[in-house]
């Protein structure tokens, strides 16, 4: 697939929620980006929260796989949620 910057470039408001939501949307794509660059702290914080949650879910699935759980049982559809830091 040819790289198309307009497909990935966004101009959300500078807010934690916006960074979280945009990162979750990118992670749900068939070909998520390899890197995320933000121009303000709150967007970066939101992106980090989304990436941390995705990493925790992936780590839990790998642990289950190592314990012998068949891969077919590890396919999960998660209900989306928004967890903002206090």
PDB file of N, CA and C in Angstrom:
ATOM      1  N   UNK A   1       0.830  -1.174   0.000  1.00  0.00           N
ATOM      2  CA  UNK A   1       0.000   0.000   0.000  1.00  0.00           C
ATOM      3  C   UNK A   1       0.880   1.244   0.000  1.00  0.00           C
ATOM      4  N   UNK A   2       0.555   2.165  -0.853  1.00  0.00           N
ATOM      5  CA  UNK A   2       1.302   3.415  -0.938  1.00  0.00           C
ATOM      6  C   UNK A   2       0.949   4.306   0.249  1.00  0.00           C
ATOM      7  N   UNK A   3       1.944   4.971   0.804  1.00  0.00           N
ATOM      8  CA  UNK A   3       1.731   5.840   1.954  1.00  0.00           C
ATOM      9  C   UNK A   3       0.952   7.068   1.529  1.00  0.00           C
ATOM     10  N   UNK A   4      -0.101   7.359   2.245  1.00  0.00           N
ATOM     11  CA  UNK A   4      -0.936   8.524   1.939  1.00  0.00           C
ATOM     12  C   UNK A   4      -1.031   9.380   3.191  1.00  0.00           C
ATOM     13  N   UNK A   5      -0.246  10.457   3.276  1.00  0.00           N
ATOM     14  CA  UNK A   5      -0.246  11.258   4.503  1.00  0.00           C
ATOM     15  C   UNK A   5      -1.617  11.798   4.870  1.00  0.00           C
ATOM     16  N   UNK A   6      -2.432  12.136   3.902  1.00  0.00           N
ATOM     17  CA  UNK A   6      -3.743  12.693   4.223  1.00  0.00           C
ATOM     18  C   UNK A   6      -4.626  11.665   4.932  1.00  0.00           C
ATOM     19  N   UNK A   7      -4.343  10.374   4.730  1.00  0.00           N
ATOM     20  CA  UNK A   7      -5.121   9.331   5.389  1.00  0.00           C
ATOM     21  C   UNK A   7      -4.866   9.328   6.896  1.00  0.00           C
ATOM     22  N   UNK A   8      -3.676   9.731   7.300  1.00  0.00           N
ATOM     23  CA  UNK A   8      -3.310   9.657   8.706  1.00  0.00           C
ATOM     24  C   UNK A   8      -3.278  11.008   9.415  1.00  0.00           C
ATOM     25  N   UNK A   9      -3.139  12.086   8.702  1.00  0.00           N
ATOM     26  CA  UNK A   9      -3.017  13.391   9.350  1.00  0.00           C
ATOM     27  C   UNK A   9      -4.376  13.855   9.872  1.00  0.00           C
ATOM     28  N   UNK A  10      -4.387  14.287  11.117  1.00  0.00           N
ATOM     29  CA  UNK A  10      -5.608  14.783  11.756  1.00  0.00           C
ATOM     30  C   UNK A  10      -5.287  16.077  12.485  1.00  0.00           C
ATOM     31  N   UNK A  11      -6.294  16.891  12.703  1.00  0.00           N
ATOM     32  CA  UNK A  11      -6.143  18.128  13.469  1.00  0.00           C
ATOM     33  C   UNK A  11      -7.183  18.179  14.587  1.00  0.00           C
ATOM     34  N   UNK A  12      -7.080  17.260  15.557  1.00  0.00           N
ATOM     35  CA  UNK A  12      -8.046  17.280  16.659  1.00  0.00           C
ATOM     36  C   UNK A  12      -7.748  18.437  17.612  1.00  0.00           C
ATOM     37  N   UNK A  13      -8.713  18.753  18.441  1.00  0.00           N
ATOM     38  CA  UNK A  13      -8.457  19.778  19.448  1.00  0.00           C
ATOM     39  C   UNK A  13      -7.395  19.268  20.408  1.00  0.00           C
ATOM     40  N   UNK A  14      -6.703  20.174  21.048  1.00  0.00           N
ATOM     41  CA  UNK A  14      -5.615  19.801  21.956  1.00  0.00           C
ATOM     42  C   UNK A  14      -6.220  19.356  23.291  1.00  0.00           C
ATOM     43  N   UNK A  15      -6.618  18.081  23.342  1.00  0.00           N
ATOM     44  CA  UNK A  15      -7.252  17.544  24.543  1.00  0.00           C
ATOM     45  C   UNK A  15      -6.907  16.066  24.683  1.00  0.00           C
ATOM     46  N   UNK A  16      -6.833  15.598  25.911  1.00  0.00           N
ATOM     47  CA  UNK A  16      -6.518  14.206  26.187  1.00  0.00           C
ATOM     48  C   UNK A  16      -7.528  13.283  25.519  1.00  0.00           C
ATOM     49  N   UNK A  17      -8.803  13.595  25.634  1.00  0.00           N
ATOM     50  CA  UNK A  17      -9.849  12.752  25.058  1.00  0.00           C
ATOM     51  C   UNK A  17      -9.675  12.633  23.541  1.00  0.00           C
ATOM     52  N   UNK A  18      -9.347  13.730  22.881  1.00  0.00           N
ATOM     53  CA  UNK A  18      -9.160  13.715  21.423  1.00  0.00           C
ATOM     54  C   UNK A  18      -7.980  12.817  21.044  1.00  0.00           C
ATOM     55  N   UNK A  19      -6.892  12.883  21.794  1.00  0.00           N
ATOM     56  CA  UNK A  19      -5.741  12.032  21.524  1.00  0.00           C
ATOM     57  C   UNK A  19      -6.061  10.561  21.732  1.00  0.00           C
ATOM     58  N   UNK A  20      -6.822  10.273  22.771  1.00  0.00           N
ATOM     59  CA  UNK A  20      -7.235   8.902  23.062  1.00  0.00           C
ATOM     60  C   UNK A  20      -8.118   8.357  21.949  1.00  0.00           C
ATOM     61  N   UNK A  21      -9.142   9.131  21.583  1.00  0.00           N
ATOM     62  CA  UNK A  21     -10.098   8.676  20.574  1.00  0.00           C
ATOM     63  C   UNK A  21      -9.429   8.475  19.213  1.00  0.00           C
ATOM     64  N   UNK A  22      -8.560   9.400  18.815  1.00  0.00           N
ATOM     65  CA  UNK A  22      -7.907   9.269  17.522  1.00  0.00           C
ATOM     66  C   UNK A  22      -6.974   8.070  17.498  1.00  0.00           C
ATOM     67  N   UNK A  23      -6.244   7.846  18.587  1.00  0.00           N
ATOM     68  CA  UNK A  23      -5.340   6.699  18.650  1.00  0.00           C
ATOM     69  C   UNK A  23      -6.120   5.396  18.608  1.00  0.00           C
ATOM     70  N   UNK A  24      -7.232   5.313  19.318  1.00  0.00           N
ATOM     71  CA  UNK A  24      -8.066   4.104  19.260  1.00  0.00           C
ATOM     72  C   UNK A  24      -8.562   3.861  17.842  1.00  0.00           C
ATOM     73  N   UNK A  25      -8.942   4.922  17.142  1.00  0.00           N
ATOM     74  CA  UNK A  25      -9.406   4.786  15.758  1.00  0.00           C
ATOM     75  C   UNK A  25      -8.275   4.258  14.873  1.00  0.00           C
ATOM     76  N   UNK A  26      -7.067   4.789  15.044  1.00  0.00           N
ATOM     77  CA  UNK A  26      -5.933   4.315  14.245  1.00  0.00           C
ATOM     78  C   UNK A  26      -5.615   2.855  14.550  1.00  0.00           C
ATOM     79  N   UNK A  27      -5.658   2.473  15.830  1.00  0.00           N
ATOM     80  CA  UNK A  27      -5.345   1.093  16.207  1.00  0.00           C
ATOM     81  C   UNK A  27      -6.372   0.110  15.652  1.00  0.00           C
ATOM     82  N   UNK A  28      -7.580   0.565  15.408  1.00  0.00           N
ATOM     83  CA  UNK A  28      -8.633  -0.301  14.869  1.00  0.00           C
ATOM     84  C   UNK A  28      -8.512  -0.497  13.357  1.00  0.00           C
ATOM     85  N   UNK A  29      -7.675   0.287  12.691  1.00  0.00           N
ATOM     86  CA  UNK A  29      -7.516   0.171  11.244  1.00  0.00           C
ATOM     87  C   UNK A  29      -6.751  -1.102  10.883  1.00  0.00           C
ATOM     88  N   UNK A  30      -6.936  -1.542   9.656  1.00  0.00           N
ATOM     89  CA  UNK A  30      -6.234  -2.736   9.185  1.00  0.00           C
ATOM     90  C   UNK A  30      -4.720  -2.531   9.199  1.00  0.00           C
ATOM     91  N   UNK A  31      -4.264  -1.337   8.837  1.00  0.00           N
ATOM     92  CA  UNK A  31      -2.833  -1.005   8.838  1.00  0.00           C
ATOM     93  C   UNK A  31      -2.605   0.217   9.732  1.00  0.00           C
ATOM     94  N   UNK A  32      -2.501   0.004  11.043  1.00  0.00           N
ATOM     95  CA  UNK A  32      -2.292   1.152  11.930  1.00  0.00           C
ATOM     96  C   UNK A  32      -0.924   1.790  11.691  1.00  0.00           C
ATOM     97  N   UNK A  33      -0.766   3.048  12.047  1.00  0.00           N
ATOM     98  CA  UNK A  33       0.524   3.714  11.832  1.00  0.00           C
ATOM     99  C   UNK A  33       1.616   3.126  12.722  1.00  0.00           C
ATOM    100  N   UNK A  34       2.861   3.241  12.264  1.00  0.00           N
ATOM    101  CA  UNK A  34       4.007   2.775  13.040  1.00  0.00           C
ATOM    102  C   UNK A  34       4.411   3.780  14.104  1.00  0.00           C
ATOM    103  N   UNK A  35       4.053   5.038  13.910  1.00  0.00           N
ATOM    104  CA  UNK A  35       4.430   6.099  14.847  1.00  0.00           C
ATOM    105  C   UNK A  35       3.302   7.118  14.905  1.00  0.00           C
ATOM    106  N   UNK A  36       3.211   7.792  16.039  1.00  0.00           N
ATOM    107  CA  UNK A  36       2.229   8.859  16.228  1.00  0.00           C
ATOM    108  C   UNK A  36       2.991  10.083  16.718  1.00  0.00           C
ATOM    109  N   UNK A  37       2.800  11.197  16.054  1.00  0.00           N
ATOM    110  CA  UNK A  37       3.454  12.452  16.430  1.00  0.00           C
ATOM    111  C   UNK A  37       2.365  13.450  16.816  1.00  0.00           C
ATOM    112  N   UNK A  38       2.506  14.060  17.973  1.00  0.00           N
ATOM    113  CA  UNK A  38       1.539  15.070  18.404  1.00  0.00           C
ATOM    114  C   UNK A  38       2.265  16.395  18.626  1.00  0.00           C
ATOM    115  N   UNK A  39       1.489  17.453  18.654  1.00  0.00           N
ATOM    116  CA  UNK A  39       2.100  18.767  18.854  1.00  0.00           C
ATOM    117  C   UNK A  39       1.658  19.422  20.161  1.00  0.00           C
ATOM    118  N   UNK A  40       1.028  18.645  21.046  1.00  0.00           N
ATOM    119  CA  UNK A  40       0.705  19.196  22.366  1.00  0.00           C
ATOM    120  C   UNK A  40       0.631  18.065  23.388  1.00  0.00           C
ATOM    121  N   UNK A  41       0.909  18.389  24.624  1.00  0.00           N
ATOM    122  CA  UNK A  41       0.967  17.403  25.699  1.00  0.00           C
ATOM    123  C   UNK A  41      -0.310  16.607  25.900  1.00  0.00           C
ATOM    124  N   UNK A  42      -1.480  17.259  25.973  1.00  0.00           N
ATOM    125  CA  UNK A  42      -2.713  16.495  26.199  1.00  0.00           C
ATOM    126  C   UNK A  42      -2.998  15.460  25.106  1.00  0.00           C
ATOM    127  N   UNK A  43      -2.720  15.790  23.848  1.00  0.00           N
ATOM    128  CA  UNK A  43      -2.906  14.799  22.777  1.00  0.00           C
ATOM    129  C   UNK A  43      -1.975  13.610  22.990  1.00  0.00           C
ATOM    130  N   UNK A  44      -0.733  13.885  23.353  1.00  0.00           N
ATOM    131  CA  UNK A  44       0.240  12.819  23.597  1.00  0.00           C
ATOM    132  C   UNK A  44      -0.192  11.943  24.770  1.00  0.00           C
ATOM    133  N   UNK A  45      -0.714  12.550  25.835  1.00  0.00           N
ATOM    134  CA  UNK A  45      -1.184  11.778  26.986  1.00  0.00           C
ATOM    135  C   UNK A  45      -2.325  10.852  26.594  1.00  0.00           C
ATOM    136  N   UNK A  46      -3.268  11.366  25.807  1.00  0.00           N
ATOM    137  CA  UNK A  46      -4.384  10.539  25.348  1.00  0.00           C
ATOM    138  C   UNK A  46      -3.906   9.372  24.506  1.00  0.00           C
ATOM    139  N   UNK A  47      -2.941   9.633  23.636  1.00  0.00           N
ATOM    140  CA  UNK A  47      -2.385   8.568  22.801  1.00  0.00           C
ATOM    141  C   UNK A  47      -1.706   7.513  23.670  1.00  0.00           C
ATOM    142  N   UNK A  48      -0.969   7.941  24.681  1.00  0.00           N
ATOM    143  CA  UNK A  48      -0.274   6.992  25.558  1.00  0.00           C
ATOM    144  C   UNK A  48      -1.254   6.122  26.331  1.00  0.00           C
ATOM    145  N   UNK A  49      -2.370   6.699  26.795  1.00  0.00           N
ATOM    146  CA  UNK A  49      -3.373   5.908  27.519  1.00  0.00           C
ATOM    147  C   UNK A  49      -3.939   4.821  26.602  1.00  0.00           C
ATOM    148  N   UNK A  50      -4.275   5.184  25.369  1.00  0.00           N
ATOM    149  CA  UNK A  50      -4.831   4.204  24.421  1.00  0.00           C
ATOM    150  C   UNK A  50      -3.812   3.111  24.109  1.00  0.00           C
ATOM    151  N   UNK A  51      -2.561   3.481  23.896  1.00  0.00           N
ATOM    152  CA  UNK A  51      -1.526   2.496  23.587  1.00  0.00           C
ATOM    153  C   UNK A  51      -1.252   1.578  24.773  1.00  0.00           C
ATOM    154  N   UNK A  52      -1.285   2.124  25.983  1.00  0.00           N
ATOM    155  CA  UNK A  52      -1.065   1.303  27.175  1.00  0.00           C
ATOM    156  C   UNK A  52      -2.183   0.270  27.321  1.00  0.00           C
ATOM    157  N   UNK A  53      -3.427   0.687  27.106  1.00  0.00           N
ATOM    158  CA  UNK A  53      -4.544  -0.256  27.216  1.00  0.00           C
ATOM    159  C   UNK A  53      -4.424  -1.360  26.173  1.00  0.00           C
ATOM    160  N   UNK A  54      -4.074  -0.991  24.952  1.00  0.00           N
ATOM    161  CA  UNK A  54      -3.913  -1.996  23.897  1.00  0.00           C
ATOM    162  C   UNK A  54      -2.779  -2.960  24.245  1.00  0.00           C
ATOM    163  N   UNK A  55      -1.689  -2.440  24.794  1.00  0.00           N
ATOM    164  CA  UNK A  55      -0.564  -3.291  25.181  1.00  0.00           C
ATOM    165  C   UNK A  55      -0.920  -4.258  26.298  1.00  0.00           C
ATOM    166  N   UNK A  56      -1.708  -3.800  27.264  1.00  0.00           N
ATOM    167  CA  UNK A  56      -2.129  -4.670  28.363  1.00  0.00           C
ATOM    168  C   UNK A  56      -3.005  -5.807  27.846  1.00  0.00           C
ATOM    169  N   UNK A  57      -3.892  -5.499  26.921  1.00  0.00           N
ATOM    170  CA  UNK A  57      -4.774  -6.528  26.355  1.00  0.00           C
ATOM    171  C   UNK A  57      -3.963  -7.550  25.569  1.00  0.00           C
ATOM    172  N   UNK A  58      -3.011  -7.081  24.799  1.00  0.00           N
ATOM    173  CA  UNK A  58      -2.167  -7.982  24.019  1.00  0.00           C
ATOM    174  C   UNK A  58      -1.323  -8.867  24.936  1.00  0.00           C
ATOM    175  N   UNK A  59      -0.774  -8.289  25.988  1.00  0.00           N
ATOM    176  CA  UNK A  59       0.042  -9.065  26.926  1.00  0.00           C
ATOM    177  C   UNK A  59      -0.786 -10.164  27.588  1.00  0.00           C
ATOM    178  N   UNK A  60      -2.013  -9.857  27.951  1.00  0.00           N
ATOM    179  CA  UNK A  60      -2.888 -10.859  28.567  1.00  0.00           C
ATOM    180  C   UNK A  60      -3.169 -12.001  27.589  1.00  0.00           C
ATOM    181  N   UNK A  61      -3.372 -11.690  26.325  1.00  0.00           N
ATOM    182  CA  UNK A  61      -3.622 -12.731  25.324  1.00  0.00           C
ATOM    183  C   UNK A  61      -2.386 -13.613  25.121  1.00  0.00           C
ATOM    184  N   UNK A  62      -1.210 -13.015  25.130  1.00  0.00           N
ATOM    185  CA  UNK A  62       0.030 -13.790  24.969  1.00  0.00           C
ATOM    186  C   UNK A  62       0.212 -14.727  26.167  1.00  0.00           C
ATOM    187  N   UNK A  63      -0.048 -14.236  27.369  1.00  0.00           N
ATOM    188  CA  UNK A  63       0.069 -15.096  28.552  1.00  0.00           C
ATOM    189  C   UNK A  63      -0.881 -16.283  28.465  1.00  0.00           C
ATOM    190  N   UNK A  64      -2.104 -16.049  28.018  1.00  0.00           N
ATOM    191  CA  UNK A  64      -3.067 -17.147  27.872  1.00  0.00           C
ATOM    192  C   UNK A  64      -2.588 -18.145  26.823  1.00  0.00           C
ATOM    193  N   UNK A  65      -2.017 -17.652  25.734  1.00  0.00           N
ATOM    194  CA  UNK A  65      -1.485 -18.528  24.693  1.00  0.00           C
ATOM    195  C   UNK A  65      -0.352 -19.394  25.246  1.00  0.00           C
ATOM    196  N   UNK A  66       0.531 -18.789  26.048  1.00  0.00           N
ATOM    197  CA  UNK A  66       1.637 -19.538  26.647  1.00  0.00           C
ATOM    198  C   UNK A  66       1.153 -20.588  27.639  1.00  0.00           C
ATOM    199  N   UNK A  67      -0.017 -20.372  28.230  1.00  0.00           N
ATOM    200  CA  UNK A  67      -0.592 -21.345  29.167  1.00  0.00           C
ATOM    201  C   UNK A  67      -1.321 -22.471  28.448  1.00  0.00           C
ATOM    202  N   UNK A  68      -1.346 -22.413  27.097  1.00  0.00           N
ATOM    203  CA  UNK A  68      -1.947 -23.499  26.338  1.00  0.00           C
ATOM    204  C   UNK A  68      -3.349 -23.240  25.820  1.00  0.00           C
ATOM    205  N   UNK A  69      -3.866 -22.058  25.999  1.00  0.00           N
ATOM    206  CA  UNK A  69      -5.195 -21.734  25.470  1.00  0.00           C
ATOM    207  C   UNK A  69      -5.137 -21.744  23.943  1.00  0.00           C
ATOM    208  N   UNK A  70      -6.053 -22.450  23.278  1.00  0.00           N
ATOM    209  CA  UNK A  70      -6.058 -22.466  21.814  1.00  0.00           C
ATOM    210  C   UNK A  70      -6.261 -21.050  21.251  1.00  0.00           C
ATOM    211  N   UNK A  71      -5.545 -20.705  20.178  1.00  0.00           N
ATOM    212  CA  UNK A  71      -5.659 -19.359  19.599  1.00  0.00           C
ATOM    213  C   UNK A  71      -7.094 -18.972  19.233  1.00  0.00           C
ATOM    214  N   UNK A  72      -7.919 -19.954  18.840  1.00  0.00           N
ATOM    215  CA  UNK A  72      -9.298 -19.647  18.477  1.00  0.00           C
ATOM    216  C   UNK A  72     -10.082 -19.061  19.648  1.00  0.00           C
ATOM    217  N   UNK A  73      -9.693 -19.407  20.860  1.00  0.00           N
ATOM    218  CA  UNK A  73     -10.382 -18.901  22.047  1.00  0.00           C
ATOM    219  C   UNK A  73      -9.860 -17.524  22.481  1.00  0.00           C
ATOM    220  N   UNK A  74      -8.781 -17.063  21.865  1.00  0.00           N
ATOM    221  CA  UNK A  74      -8.198 -15.781  22.257  1.00  0.00           C
ATOM    222  C   UNK A  74      -8.722 -14.620  21.425  1.00  0.00           C
ATOM    223  N   UNK A  75      -9.550 -14.909  20.440  1.00  0.00           N
ATOM    224  CA  UNK A  75     -10.128 -13.832  19.645  1.00  0.00           C
ATOM    225  C   UNK A  75     -11.225 -13.179  20.464  1.00  0.00           C
ATOM    226  N   UNK A  76     -11.071 -11.901  20.716  1.00  0.00           N
ATOM    227  CA  UNK A  76     -11.978 -11.190  21.606  1.00  0.00           C
ATOM    228  C   UNK A  76     -12.441  -9.892  20.976  1.00  0.00           C
ATOM    229  N   UNK A  77     -13.707  -9.601  21.137  1.00  0.00           N
ATOM    230  CA  UNK A  77     -14.232  -8.285  20.774  1.00  0.00           C
ATOM    231  C   UNK A  77     -14.470  -7.536  22.078  1.00  0.00           C
ATOM    232  N   UNK A  78     -13.744  -6.432  22.254  1.00  0.00           N
ATOM    233  CA  UNK A  78     -13.885  -5.668  23.481  1.00  0.00           C
ATOM    234  C   UNK A  78     -14.896  -4.558  23.304  1.00  0.00           C
ATOM    235  N   UNK A  79     -15.637  -4.311  24.354  1.00  0.00           N
ATOM    236  CA  UNK A  79     -16.543  -3.168  24.381  1.00  0.00           C
ATOM    237  C   UNK A  79     -15.683  -1.925  24.583  1.00  0.00           C
ATOM    238  N   UNK A  80     -15.808  -0.929  23.720  1.00  0.00           N
ATOM    239  CA  UNK A  80     -14.983   0.272  23.894  1.00  0.00           C
ATOM    240  C   UNK A  80     -15.350   1.020  25.173  1.00  0.00           C
ATOM    241  N   UNK A  81     -14.356   1.658  25.765  1.00  0.00           N
ATOM    242  CA  UNK A  81     -14.585   2.483  26.943  1.00  0.00           C
ATOM    243  C   UNK A  81     -13.584   3.619  26.933  1.00  0.00           C
ATOM    244  N   UNK A  82     -13.896   4.622  27.690  1.00  0.00           N
ATOM    245  CA  UNK A  82     -12.997   5.769  27.813  1.00  0.00           C
ATOM    246  C   UNK A  82     -12.629   5.920  29.268  1.00  0.00           C
ATOM    247  N   UNK A  83     -11.353   5.828  29.562  1.00  0.00           N
ATOM    248  CA  UNK A  83     -10.859   5.953  30.931  1.00  0.00           C
ATOM    249  C   UNK A  83      -9.887   7.116  30.952  1.00  0.00           C
ATOM    250  N   UNK A  84     -10.322   8.211  31.533  1.00  0.00           N
ATOM    251  CA  UNK A  84      -9.460   9.386  31.622  1.00  0.00           C
ATOM    252  C   UNK A  84      -8.718   9.391  32.949  1.00  0.00           C
ATOM    253  N   UNK A  85      -7.483   9.841  32.961  1.00  0.00           N
ATOM    254  CA  UNK A  85      -6.754   9.935  34.227  1.00  0.00           C
ATOM    255  C   UNK A  85      -7.435  10.942  35.157  1.00  0.00           C
ATOM    256  N   UNK A  86      -7.295  10.742  36.452  1.00  0.00           N
ATOM    257  CA  UNK A  86      -7.933  11.676  37.416  1.00  0.00           C
ATOM    258  C   UNK A  86      -7.408  13.079  37.299  1.00  0.00           C
TER     259      UNK A  86
END
